[in-house]
């Protein structure tokens, strides 16, 4: 599960004829970009890669009758809603 640090936007994309609504979320997510690569050799200096937060996006759908995201809700409410979805965030190449 990705730790969401900050929700920047939850936006409506489209609505299907069956009432399914598609959203996209932009958020700062922990450990999404490599700040420093891992060192393997020499062995006595080996250390894992250092990861840091990155600006990411993910998409999700809400079917008719399901709970919709709190677009104008508090940061806490947005993070709680998105955490339950266990989204696959994609790192943006620009920004943050």
PDB file of N, CA and C in Angstrom:
ATOM      1  N   UNK A   1       0.839  -1.173   0.000  1.00  0.00           N
ATOM      2  CA  UNK A   1       0.000   0.000   0.000  1.00  0.00           C
ATOM      3  C   UNK A   1       0.893   1.248   0.000  1.00  0.00           C
ATOM      4  N   UNK A   2       0.523   2.213  -0.780  1.00  0.00           N
ATOM      5  CA  UNK A   2       1.277   3.458  -0.869  1.00  0.00           C
ATOM      6  C   UNK A   2       0.780   4.452   0.179  1.00  0.00           C
ATOM      7  N   UNK A   3       1.738   5.117   0.845  1.00  0.00           N
ATOM      8  CA  UNK A   3       1.356   6.133   1.827  1.00  0.00           C
ATOM      9  C   UNK A   3       1.101   7.452   1.112  1.00  0.00           C
ATOM     10  N   UNK A   4      -0.118   7.927   1.187  1.00  0.00           N
ATOM     11  CA  UNK A   4      -0.482   9.197   0.561  1.00  0.00           C
ATOM     12  C   UNK A   4      -0.124  10.316   1.531  1.00  0.00           C
ATOM     13  N   UNK A   5       0.745  11.211   1.083  1.00  0.00           N
ATOM     14  CA  UNK A   5       1.177  12.328   1.919  1.00  0.00           C
ATOM     15  C   UNK A   5       0.246  13.521   1.746  1.00  0.00           C
ATOM     16  N   UNK A   6      -0.124  13.807   0.490  1.00  0.00           N
ATOM     17  CA  UNK A   6      -0.967  14.968   0.211  1.00  0.00           C
ATOM     18  C   UNK A   6      -1.824  14.703  -1.010  1.00  0.00           C
ATOM     19  N   UNK A   7      -3.113  14.927  -0.897  1.00  0.00           N
ATOM     20  CA  UNK A   7      -4.026  14.812  -2.039  1.00  0.00           C
ATOM     21  C   UNK A   7      -4.112  16.190  -2.685  1.00  0.00           C
ATOM     22  N   UNK A   8      -3.678  16.274  -3.932  1.00  0.00           N
ATOM     23  CA  UNK A   8      -3.707  17.554  -4.622  1.00  0.00           C
ATOM     24  C   UNK A   8      -5.028  17.775  -5.357  1.00  0.00           C
ATOM     25  N   UNK A   9      -5.605  16.692  -5.896  1.00  0.00           N
ATOM     26  CA  UNK A   9      -6.877  16.835  -6.609  1.00  0.00           C
ATOM     27  C   UNK A   9      -7.535  15.477  -6.797  1.00  0.00           C
ATOM     28  N   UNK A  10      -8.858  15.470  -6.719  1.00  0.00           N
ATOM     29  CA  UNK A  10      -9.672  14.337  -7.146  1.00  0.00           C
ATOM     30  C   UNK A  10     -10.624  14.926  -8.175  1.00  0.00           C
ATOM     31  N   UNK A  11     -10.521  14.420  -9.413  1.00  0.00           N
ATOM     32  CA  UNK A  11     -11.286  15.031 -10.498  1.00  0.00           C
ATOM     33  C   UNK A  11     -12.164  14.005 -11.206  1.00  0.00           C
ATOM     34  N   UNK A  12     -13.367  14.435 -11.547  1.00  0.00           N
ATOM     35  CA  UNK A  12     -14.288  13.630 -12.332  1.00  0.00           C
ATOM     36  C   UNK A  12     -13.782  13.600 -13.763  1.00  0.00           C
ATOM     37  N   UNK A  13     -13.776  12.413 -14.381  1.00  0.00           N
ATOM     38  CA  UNK A  13     -13.356  12.290 -15.782  1.00  0.00           C
ATOM     39  C   UNK A  13     -14.552  12.109 -16.699  1.00  0.00           C
ATOM     40  N   UNK A  14     -15.262  10.998 -16.527  1.00  0.00           N
ATOM     41  CA  UNK A  14     -16.400  10.691 -17.394  1.00  0.00           C
ATOM     42  C   UNK A  14     -17.453   9.914 -16.604  1.00  0.00           C
ATOM     43  N   UNK A  15     -18.646   9.835 -17.192  1.00  0.00           N
ATOM     44  CA  UNK A  15     -19.719   9.013 -16.644  1.00  0.00           C
ATOM     45  C   UNK A  15     -20.213   8.091 -17.745  1.00  0.00           C
ATOM     46  N   UNK A  16     -20.262   6.797 -17.451  1.00  0.00           N
ATOM     47  CA  UNK A  16     -20.755   5.824 -18.418  1.00  0.00           C
ATOM     48  C   UNK A  16     -22.282   5.812 -18.423  1.00  0.00           C
ATOM     49  N   UNK A  17     -22.841   5.189 -19.442  1.00  0.00           N
ATOM     50  CA  UNK A  17     -24.299   5.123 -19.560  1.00  0.00           C
ATOM     51  C   UNK A  17     -24.937   4.325 -18.419  1.00  0.00           C
ATOM     52  N   UNK A  18     -24.167   3.424 -17.788  1.00  0.00           N
ATOM     53  CA  UNK A  18     -24.715   2.645 -16.679  1.00  0.00           C
ATOM     54  C   UNK A  18     -24.577   3.356 -15.329  1.00  0.00           C
ATOM     55  N   UNK A  19     -24.064   4.592 -15.336  1.00  0.00           N
ATOM     56  CA  UNK A  19     -23.942   5.375 -14.120  1.00  0.00           C
ATOM     57  C   UNK A  19     -22.584   5.293 -13.442  1.00  0.00           C
ATOM     58  N   UNK A  20     -21.674   4.490 -13.984  1.00  0.00           N
ATOM     59  CA  UNK A  20     -20.328   4.390 -13.427  1.00  0.00           C
ATOM     60  C   UNK A  20     -19.574   5.695 -13.695  1.00  0.00           C
ATOM     61  N   UNK A  21     -18.986   6.248 -12.654  1.00  0.00           N
ATOM     62  CA  UNK A  21     -18.238   7.500 -12.771  1.00  0.00           C
ATOM     63  C   UNK A  21     -16.751   7.202 -12.621  1.00  0.00           C
ATOM     64  N   UNK A  22     -15.954   7.767 -13.516  1.00  0.00           N
ATOM     65  CA  UNK A  22     -14.509   7.572 -13.509  1.00  0.00           C
ATOM     66  C   UNK A  22     -13.840   8.836 -12.985  1.00  0.00           C
ATOM     67  N   UNK A  23     -12.909   8.644 -12.046  1.00  0.00           N
ATOM     68  CA  UNK A  23     -12.175   9.745 -11.428  1.00  0.00           C
ATOM     69  C   UNK A  23     -10.681   9.557 -11.629  1.00  0.00           C
ATOM     70  N   UNK A  24      -9.944  10.642 -11.505  1.00  0.00           N
ATOM     71  CA  UNK A  24      -8.494  10.581 -11.431  1.00  0.00           C
ATOM     72  C   UNK A  24      -8.071  11.355 -10.191  1.00  0.00           C
ATOM     73  N   UNK A  25      -7.032  10.858  -9.540  1.00  0.00           N
ATOM     74  CA  UNK A  25      -6.512  11.513  -8.346  1.00  0.00           C
ATOM     75  C   UNK A  25      -5.050  11.851  -8.582  1.00  0.00           C
ATOM     76  N   UNK A  26      -4.661  13.045  -8.146  1.00  0.00           N
ATOM     77  CA  UNK A  26      -3.269  13.471  -8.160  1.00  0.00           C
ATOM     78  C   UNK A  26      -2.857  13.651  -6.718  1.00  0.00           C
ATOM     79  N   UNK A  27      -1.753  12.998  -6.337  1.00  0.00           N
ATOM     80  CA  UNK A  27      -1.334  13.025  -4.941  1.00  0.00           C
ATOM     81  C   UNK A  27       0.181  12.897  -4.827  1.00  0.00           C
ATOM     82  N   UNK A  28       0.699  13.383  -3.720  1.00  0.00           N
ATOM     83  CA  UNK A  28       2.099  13.167  -3.378  1.00  0.00           C
ATOM     84  C   UNK A  28       2.128  11.880  -2.558  1.00  0.00           C
ATOM     85  N   UNK A  29       2.912  10.907  -3.046  1.00  0.00           N
ATOM     86  CA  UNK A  29       2.952   9.579  -2.437  1.00  0.00           C
ATOM     87  C   UNK A  29       4.380   9.262  -1.993  1.00  0.00           C
ATOM     88  N   UNK A  30       4.514   8.694  -0.808  1.00  0.00           N
ATOM     89  CA  UNK A  30       5.827   8.371  -0.241  1.00  0.00           C
ATOM     90  C   UNK A  30       6.526   7.267  -1.040  1.00  0.00           C
ATOM     91  N   UNK A  31       7.839   7.327  -1.062  1.00  0.00           N
ATOM     92  CA  UNK A  31       8.707   6.280  -1.628  1.00  0.00           C
ATOM     93  C   UNK A  31       8.396   5.922  -3.075  1.00  0.00           C
ATOM     94  N   UNK A  32       8.108   6.923  -3.887  1.00  0.00           N
ATOM     95  CA  UNK A  32       7.774   6.663  -5.279  1.00  0.00           C
ATOM     96  C   UNK A  32       8.901   7.000  -6.259  1.00  0.00           C
ATOM     97  N   UNK A  33       9.863   7.786  -5.826  1.00  0.00           N
ATOM     98  CA  UNK A  33      10.957   8.095  -6.750  1.00  0.00           C
ATOM     99  C   UNK A  33      12.293   7.877  -6.049  1.00  0.00           C
ATOM    100  N   UNK A  34      13.244   7.478  -6.850  1.00  0.00           N
ATOM    101  CA  UNK A  34      14.562   7.183  -6.321  1.00  0.00           C
ATOM    102  C   UNK A  34      15.376   8.464  -6.211  1.00  0.00           C
ATOM    103  N   UNK A  35      15.800   8.762  -4.994  1.00  0.00           N
ATOM    104  CA  UNK A  35      16.610   9.954  -4.762  1.00  0.00           C
ATOM    105  C   UNK A  35      18.098   9.650  -4.932  1.00  0.00           C
ATOM    106  N   UNK A  36      18.485   8.458  -4.511  1.00  0.00           N
ATOM    107  CA  UNK A  36      19.878   8.035  -4.634  1.00  0.00           C
ATOM    108  C   UNK A  36      19.878   6.544  -4.920  1.00  0.00           C
ATOM    109  N   UNK A  37      20.616   6.097  -5.947  1.00  0.00           N
ATOM    110  CA  UNK A  37      20.607   4.671  -6.292  1.00  0.00           C
ATOM    111  C   UNK A  37      21.317   3.822  -5.236  1.00  0.00           C
ATOM    112  N   UNK A  38      21.008   2.550  -5.265  1.00  0.00           N
ATOM    113  CA  UNK A  38      21.653   1.604  -4.359  1.00  0.00           C
ATOM    114  C   UNK A  38      23.126   1.466  -4.715  1.00  0.00           C
ATOM    115  N   UNK A  39      23.920   1.175  -3.709  1.00  0.00           N
ATOM    116  CA  UNK A  39      25.347   0.912  -3.905  1.00  0.00           C
ATOM    117  C   UNK A  39      25.565  -0.561  -3.570  1.00  0.00           C
ATOM    118  N   UNK A  40      26.143  -1.311  -4.524  1.00  0.00           N
ATOM    119  CA  UNK A  40      26.359  -2.735  -4.331  1.00  0.00           C
ATOM    120  C   UNK A  40      27.831  -3.085  -4.096  1.00  0.00           C
ATOM    121  N   UNK A  41      28.703  -2.343  -4.752  1.00  0.00           N
ATOM    122  CA  UNK A  41      30.144  -2.647  -4.672  1.00  0.00           C
ATOM    123  C   UNK A  41      30.905  -1.386  -4.342  1.00  0.00           C
ATOM    124  N   UNK A  42      31.904  -1.419  -3.552  1.00  0.00           N
ATOM    125  CA  UNK A  42      32.384  -2.560  -2.757  1.00  0.00           C
ATOM    126  C   UNK A  42      31.399  -2.899  -1.641  1.00  0.00           C
ATOM    127  N   UNK A  43      31.413  -4.152  -1.245  1.00  0.00           N
ATOM    128  CA  UNK A  43      30.439  -4.683  -0.294  1.00  0.00           C
ATOM    129  C   UNK A  43      30.419  -3.940   1.039  1.00  0.00           C
ATOM    130  N   UNK A  44      31.567  -3.451   1.483  1.00  0.00           N
ATOM    131  CA  UNK A  44      31.591  -2.767   2.776  1.00  0.00           C
ATOM    132  C   UNK A  44      30.938  -1.383   2.724  1.00  0.00           C
ATOM    133  N   UNK A  45      30.661  -0.878   1.513  1.00  0.00           N
ATOM    134  CA  UNK A  45      29.974   0.405   1.346  1.00  0.00           C
ATOM    135  C   UNK A  45      28.541   0.237   0.823  1.00  0.00           C
ATOM    136  N   UNK A  46      28.083  -1.013   0.709  1.00  0.00           N
ATOM    137  CA  UNK A  46      26.756  -1.294   0.145  1.00  0.00           C
ATOM    138  C   UNK A  46      25.654  -0.666   0.996  1.00  0.00           C
ATOM    139  N   UNK A  47      24.654  -0.135   0.305  1.00  0.00           N
ATOM    140  CA  UNK A  47      23.478   0.419   0.981  1.00  0.00           C
ATOM    141  C   UNK A  47      22.315   0.432  -0.003  1.00  0.00           C
ATOM    142  N   UNK A  48      21.098   0.361   0.514  1.00  0.00           N
ATOM    143  CA  UNK A  48      19.930   0.343  -0.373  1.00  0.00           C
ATOM    144  C   UNK A  48      19.686   1.719  -0.998  1.00  0.00           C
ATOM    145  N   UNK A  49      18.864   1.726  -2.028  1.00  0.00           N
ATOM    146  CA  UNK A  49      18.486   2.976  -2.667  1.00  0.00           C
ATOM    147  C   UNK A  49      17.707   3.844  -1.681  1.00  0.00           C
ATOM    148  N   UNK A  50      17.849   5.139  -1.820  1.00  0.00           N
ATOM    149  CA  UNK A  50      17.070   6.069  -0.992  1.00  0.00           C
ATOM    150  C   UNK A  50      15.872   6.537  -1.811  1.00  0.00           C
ATOM    151  N   UNK A  51      14.699   6.345  -1.258  1.00  0.00           N
ATOM    152  CA  UNK A  51      13.464   6.715  -1.947  1.00  0.00           C
ATOM    153  C   UNK A  51      12.843   7.938  -1.295  1.00  0.00           C
ATOM    154  N   UNK A  52      12.131   8.712  -2.102  1.00  0.00           N
ATOM    155  CA  UNK A  52      11.464   9.896  -1.593  1.00  0.00           C
ATOM    156  C   UNK A  52      10.083  10.041  -2.204  1.00  0.00           C
ATOM    157  N   UNK A  53       9.332  11.032  -1.746  1.00  0.00           N
ATOM    158  CA  UNK A  53       7.975  11.231  -2.256  1.00  0.00           C
ATOM    159  C   UNK A  53       7.986  11.713  -3.703  1.00  0.00           C
ATOM    160  N   UNK A  54       6.902  11.420  -4.390  1.00  0.00           N
ATOM    161  CA  UNK A  54       6.763  11.862  -5.773  1.00  0.00           C
ATOM    162  C   UNK A  54       5.318  12.202  -6.089  1.00  0.00           C
ATOM    163  N   UNK A  55       5.153  13.062  -7.094  1.00  0.00           N
ATOM    164  CA  UNK A  55       3.822  13.430  -7.567  1.00  0.00           C
ATOM    165  C   UNK A  55       3.300  12.315  -8.465  1.00  0.00           C
ATOM    166  N   UNK A  56       2.142  11.775  -8.121  1.00  0.00           N
ATOM    167  CA  UNK A  56       1.612  10.598  -8.803  1.00  0.00           C
ATOM    168  C   UNK A  56       0.147  10.797  -9.184  1.00  0.00           C
ATOM    169  N   UNK A  57      -0.287   9.968 -10.121  1.00  0.00           N
ATOM    170  CA  UNK A  57      -1.698   9.951 -10.492  1.00  0.00           C
ATOM    171  C   UNK A  57      -2.201   8.507 -10.472  1.00  0.00           C
ATOM    172  N   UNK A  58      -3.496   8.380 -10.302  1.00  0.00           N
ATOM    173  CA  UNK A  58      -4.166   7.079 -10.375  1.00  0.00           C
ATOM    174  C   UNK A  58      -5.608   7.330 -10.802  1.00  0.00           C
ATOM    175  N   UNK A  59      -6.206   6.322 -11.384  1.00  0.00           N
ATOM    176  CA  UNK A  59      -7.604   6.417 -11.804  1.00  0.00           C
ATOM    177  C   UNK A  59      -8.416   5.342 -11.095  1.00  0.00           C
ATOM    178  N   UNK A  60      -9.680   5.636 -10.872  1.00  0.00           N
ATOM    179  CA  UNK A  60     -10.586   4.662 -10.266  1.00  0.00           C
ATOM    180  C   UNK A  60     -12.005   4.958 -10.707  1.00  0.00           C
ATOM    181  N   UNK A  61     -12.876   3.969 -10.524  1.00  0.00           N
ATOM    182  CA  UNK A  61     -14.277   4.090 -10.927  1.00  0.00           C
ATOM    183  C   UNK A  61     -15.182   3.838  -9.728  1.00  0.00           C
ATOM    184  N   UNK A  62     -16.317   4.504  -9.738  1.00  0.00           N
ATOM    185  CA  UNK A  62     -17.328   4.327  -8.702  1.00  0.00           C
ATOM    186  C   UNK A  62     -18.631   3.968  -9.406  1.00  0.00           C
ATOM    187  N   UNK A  63     -19.167   2.809  -9.049  1.00  0.00           N
ATOM    188  CA  UNK A  63     -20.408   2.373  -9.661  1.00  0.00           C
ATOM    189  C   UNK A  63     -21.600   3.068  -9.023  1.00  0.00           C
ATOM    190  N   UNK A  64     -22.691   3.101  -9.759  1.00  0.00           N
ATOM    191  CA  UNK A  64     -23.917   3.734  -9.281  1.00  0.00           C
ATOM    192  C   UNK A  64     -24.342   3.099  -7.960  1.00  0.00           C
ATOM    193  N   UNK A  65     -24.562   3.924  -6.960  1.00  0.00           N
ATOM    194  CA  UNK A  65     -24.980   3.442  -5.650  1.00  0.00           C
ATOM    195  C   UNK A  65     -23.841   3.308  -4.655  1.00  0.00           C
ATOM    196  N   UNK A  66     -22.579   3.336  -5.123  1.00  0.00           N
ATOM    197  CA  UNK A  66     -21.427   3.263  -4.216  1.00  0.00           C
ATOM    198  C   UNK A  66     -21.090   4.651  -3.685  1.00  0.00           C
ATOM    199  N   UNK A  67     -20.283   4.693  -2.647  1.00  0.00           N
ATOM    200  CA  UNK A  67     -19.870   5.953  -2.038  1.00  0.00           C
ATOM    201  C   UNK A  67     -18.897   6.683  -2.947  1.00  0.00           C
ATOM    202  N   UNK A  68     -19.172   7.950  -3.188  1.00  0.00           N
ATOM    203  CA  UNK A  68     -18.300   8.763  -4.041  1.00  0.00           C
ATOM    204  C   UNK A  68     -17.200   9.407  -3.207  1.00  0.00           C
ATOM    205  N   UNK A  69     -16.089   9.768  -3.840  1.00  0.00           N
ATOM    206  CA  UNK A  69     -14.979  10.364  -3.094  1.00  0.00           C
ATOM    207  C   UNK A  69     -15.343  11.732  -2.532  1.00  0.00           C
ATOM    208  N   UNK A  70     -14.765  12.082  -1.380  1.00  0.00           N
ATOM    209  CA  UNK A  70     -15.027  13.405  -0.786  1.00  0.00           C
ATOM    210  C   UNK A  70     -14.162  14.469  -1.475  1.00  0.00           C
ATOM    211  N   UNK A  71     -14.584  14.888  -2.656  1.00  0.00           N
ATOM    212  CA  UNK A  71     -13.794  15.823  -3.467  1.00  0.00           C
ATOM    213  C   UNK A  71     -13.505  17.108  -2.704  1.00  0.00           C
ATOM    214  N   UNK A  72     -14.478  17.614  -1.985  1.00  0.00           N
ATOM    215  CA  UNK A  72     -14.274  18.853  -1.226  1.00  0.00           C
ATOM    216  C   UNK A  72     -14.120  18.574   0.269  1.00  0.00           C
ATOM    217  N   UNK A  73     -13.908  17.315   0.609  1.00  0.00           N
ATOM    218  CA  UNK A  73     -13.778  16.942   2.012  1.00  0.00           C
ATOM    219  C   UNK A  73     -12.415  17.311   2.579  1.00  0.00           C
ATOM    220  N   UNK A  74     -12.218  16.985   3.829  1.00  0.00           N
ATOM    221  CA  UNK A  74     -10.945  17.268   4.497  1.00  0.00           C
ATOM    222  C   UNK A  74      -9.853  16.351   3.952  1.00  0.00           C
ATOM    223  N   UNK A  75      -8.609  16.745   4.187  1.00  0.00           N
ATOM    224  CA  UNK A  75      -7.469  15.933   3.774  1.00  0.00           C
ATOM    225  C   UNK A  75      -7.592  14.533   4.373  1.00  0.00           C
ATOM    226  N   UNK A  76      -7.944  14.453   5.636  1.00  0.00           N
ATOM    227  CA  UNK A  76      -8.083  13.169   6.320  1.00  0.00           C
ATOM    228  C   UNK A  76      -9.126  12.291   5.627  1.00  0.00           C
ATOM    229  N   UNK A  77     -10.288  12.862   5.323  1.00  0.00           N
ATOM    230  CA  UNK A  77     -11.359  12.101   4.672  1.00  0.00           C
ATOM    231  C   UNK A  77     -10.933  11.602   3.294  1.00  0.00           C
ATOM    232  N   UNK A  78     -10.236  12.448   2.542  1.00  0.00           N
ATOM    233  CA  UNK A  78      -9.770  12.054   1.209  1.00  0.00           C
ATOM    234  C   UNK A  78      -8.771  10.907   1.292  1.00  0.00           C
ATOM    235  N   UNK A  79      -7.809  11.022   2.192  1.00  0.00           N
ATOM    236  CA  UNK A  79      -6.798   9.973   2.340  1.00  0.00           C
ATOM    237  C   UNK A  79      -7.449   8.664   2.795  1.00  0.00           C
ATOM    238  N   UNK A  80      -8.366   8.725   3.740  1.00  0.00           N
ATOM    239  CA  UNK A  80      -9.047   7.524   4.216  1.00  0.00           C
ATOM    240  C   UNK A  80      -9.810   6.842   3.076  1.00  0.00           C
ATOM    241  N   UNK A  81     -10.501   7.611   2.258  1.00  0.00           N
ATOM    242  CA  UNK A  81     -11.252   7.065   1.131  1.00  0.00           C
ATOM    243  C   UNK A  81     -10.310   6.401   0.135  1.00  0.00           C
ATOM    244  N   UNK A  82      -9.233   7.105  -0.233  1.00  0.00           N
ATOM    245  CA  UNK A  82      -8.305   6.595  -1.238  1.00  0.00           C
ATOM    246  C   UNK A  82      -7.514   5.386  -0.730  1.00  0.00           C
ATOM    247  N   UNK A  83      -7.163   5.369   0.545  1.00  0.00           N
ATOM    248  CA  UNK A  83      -6.441   4.223   1.108  1.00  0.00           C
ATOM    249  C   UNK A  83      -7.252   2.935   0.972  1.00  0.00           C
ATOM    250  N   UNK A  84      -8.550   3.035   1.140  1.00  0.00           N
ATOM    251  CA  UNK A  84      -9.413   1.848   1.035  1.00  0.00           C
ATOM    252  C   UNK A  84      -9.428   1.280  -0.383  1.00  0.00           C
ATOM    253  N   UNK A  85      -9.141   2.121  -1.379  1.00  0.00           N
ATOM    254  CA  UNK A  85      -9.155   1.670  -2.771  1.00  0.00           C
ATOM    255  C   UNK A  85      -7.875   0.940  -3.161  1.00  0.00           C
ATOM    256  N   UNK A  86      -6.789   1.126  -2.394  1.00  0.00           N
ATOM    257  CA  UNK A  86      -5.493   0.502  -2.683  1.00  0.00           C
ATOM    258  C   UNK A  86      -5.104   0.714  -4.151  1.00  0.00           C
ATOM    259  N   UNK A  87      -4.986   1.965  -4.542  1.00  0.00           N
ATOM    260  CA  UNK A  87      -4.721   2.350  -5.926  1.00  0.00           C
ATOM    261  C   UNK A  87      -3.284   2.068  -6.348  1.00  0.00           C
ATOM    262  N   UNK A  88      -3.091   1.851  -7.643  1.00  0.00           N
ATOM    263  CA  UNK A  88      -1.760   1.715  -8.236  1.00  0.00           C
ATOM    264  C   UNK A  88      -1.357   3.075  -8.779  1.00  0.00           C
ATOM    265  N   UNK A  89      -0.601   3.813  -7.999  1.00  0.00           N
ATOM    266  CA  UNK A  89      -0.177   5.149  -8.393  1.00  0.00           C
ATOM    267  C   UNK A  89       0.947   5.072  -9.415  1.00  0.00           C
ATOM    268  N   UNK A  90       0.927   6.013 -10.356  1.00  0.00           N
ATOM    269  CA  UNK A  90       1.953   6.111 -11.396  1.00  0.00           C
ATOM    270  C   UNK A  90       2.683   7.421 -11.187  1.00  0.00           C
ATOM    271  N   UNK A  91       4.005   7.342 -11.111  1.00  0.00           N
ATOM    272  CA  UNK A  91       4.833   8.522 -10.897  1.00  0.00           C
ATOM    273  C   UNK A  91       4.808   9.422 -12.121  1.00  0.00           C
ATOM    274  N   UNK A  92       4.529  10.700 -11.900  1.00  0.00           N
ATOM    275  CA  UNK A  92       4.588  11.699 -12.964  1.00  0.00           C
ATOM    276  C   UNK A  92       6.047  12.049 -13.213  1.00  0.00           C
ATOM    277  N   UNK A  93       6.422  12.283 -14.453  1.00  0.00           N
ATOM    278  CA  UNK A  93       7.823  12.589 -14.752  1.00  0.00           C
ATOM    279  C   UNK A  93       8.155  14.043 -14.502  1.00  0.00           C
ATOM    280  N   UNK A  94       7.159  14.899 -14.452  1.00  0.00           N
ATOM    281  CA  UNK A  94       7.384  16.316 -14.180  1.00  0.00           C
ATOM    282  C   UNK A  94       6.652  16.703 -12.910  1.00  0.00           C
ATOM    283  N   UNK A  95       7.116  17.740 -12.284  1.00  0.00           N
ATOM    284  CA  UNK A  95       6.483  18.208 -11.056  1.00  0.00           C
ATOM    285  C   UNK A  95       7.194  17.679  -9.841  1.00  0.00           C
ATOM    286  N   UNK A  96       6.716  18.026  -8.718  1.00  0.00           N
ATOM    287  CA  UNK A  96       7.214  17.700  -7.405  1.00  0.00           C
ATOM    288  C   UNK A  96       8.687  17.381  -7.395  1.00  0.00           C
TER     289      UNK A  96
END
